[in-house]
Amino acid sequence: ADTIGDQAAQYGSRMERLVAALRADLKDPKLPFYYAQLGRFVTTADNRTNWNAIQEAQRVLESKLAPGGMIATIDTALD
């Protein structure tokens, strides 16, 4: 859903708020957060650019969401 319309532009800030809320709810500001990057997706649809934008946002978020990390999946087989 984040690849539809202008949702991709909001992905980074939404993810940061999600992780901050999770850490606050669990009362652990240093809670490690791990996530898997979107895998490759080949399509002719208009959302291809947004898909790549989210992959890039996920890459950039890794340092912002530390501690934790991102599991890169762009080198896996197609979904």
Protein backbone atom coordinates (compact mmCIF):
# COMPACT_ATOMS: atom_id res chain seq x y z
CA ALA A 1 0.00 0.00 0.00
CA ASP A 2 2.92 2.36 0.64
CA THR A 3 3.80 2.30 -3.07
CA ILE A 4 0.45 3.79 -4.12
CA GLY A 5 0.27 7.50 -4.89
CA ASP A 6 2.21 9.79 -2.57
CA GLN A 7 2.42 7.22 0.24
CA ALA A 8 6.06 6.41 -0.55
CA ALA A 9 7.14 9.95 0.33
CA GLN A 10 5.69 9.49 3.83
CA TYR A 11 7.22 6.06 4.46
CA GLY A 12 10.37 7.18 6.29
CA SER A 13 8.67 9.49 8.76
CA ARG A 14 5.88 6.99 9.41
CA MET A 15 8.37 4.22 10.12
CA GLU A 16 10.31 6.46 12.51
CA ARG A 17 7.09 7.29 14.39
CA LEU A 18 6.11 3.61 14.49
CA VAL A 19 9.42 2.54 16.03
CA ALA A 20 9.38 5.46 18.50
CA ALA A 21 5.84 4.51 19.58
CA LEU A 22 6.79 0.85 19.96
CA ARG A 23 9.79 1.71 22.10
CA ALA A 24 7.71 4.12 24.19
CA ASP A 25 4.91 1.58 24.69
CA LEU A 26 7.44 -1.03 25.82
CA LYS A 27 9.29 1.55 27.94
CA ASP A 28 12.59 0.67 26.31
CA PRO A 29 14.07 3.54 24.28
CA LYS A 30 17.01 1.35 23.23
CA LEU A 31 14.90 -1.61 22.08
CA PRO A 32 16.63 -3.07 19.00
CA PHE A 33 14.39 -2.95 15.93
CA TYR A 34 15.08 -5.18 12.95
CA TYR A 35 13.25 -5.25 9.65
CA ALA A 36 13.61 -6.78 6.21
CA GLN A 37 13.96 -4.53 3.20
CA LEU A 38 11.45 -4.97 0.40
CA GLY A 39 12.64 -7.57 -2.06
CA ARG A 40 12.96 -7.07 -5.80
CA PHE A 41 9.75 -6.55 -7.74
CA VAL A 42 9.66 -6.37 -11.49
CA THR A 43 6.59 -4.82 -13.06
CA THR A 44 5.53 -2.39 -15.71
CA ALA A 45 3.11 -0.72 -13.32
CA ASP A 46 3.52 2.89 -12.29
CA ASN A 47 4.37 1.94 -8.71
CA ARG A 48 7.83 0.61 -9.67
CA THR A 49 9.45 3.97 -8.89
CA ASN A 50 7.66 4.13 -5.55
CA TRP A 51 8.77 0.57 -4.76
CA ASN A 52 12.38 1.62 -5.32
CA ALA A 53 11.84 4.77 -3.26
CA ILE A 54 10.69 2.69 -0.31
CA GLN A 55 13.68 0.37 -0.65
CA GLU A 56 15.93 3.44 -0.52
CA ALA A 57 14.03 4.88 2.46
CA GLN A 58 14.49 1.57 4.27
CA ARG A 59 18.23 1.67 3.55
CA VAL A 60 18.52 5.21 4.92
CA LEU A 61 16.39 4.42 7.97
CA GLU A 62 18.81 1.78 9.23
CA SER A 63 21.09 4.34 10.86
CA LYS A 64 18.18 6.45 12.12
CA LEU A 65 16.44 3.54 13.84
CA ALA A 66 19.53 2.16 15.60
CA PRO A 67 19.93 0.09 17.62
CA GLY A 68 18.81 -2.66 15.33
CA GLY A 69 19.23 -3.05 11.63
CA MET A 70 17.92 -3.88 8.21
CA ILE A 71 18.15 -7.24 6.53
CA ALA A 72 18.90 -6.54 2.88
CA THR A 73 16.82 -8.63 0.49
CA ILE A 74 17.40 -6.94 -2.85
CA ASP A 75 19.65 -9.79 -3.93
CA THR A 76 17.07 -12.51 -3.32
CA ALA A 77 14.93 -14.14 -5.97
CA LEU A 78 11.91 -12.28 -7.27
CA ASP A 79 8.79 -12.25 -5.10
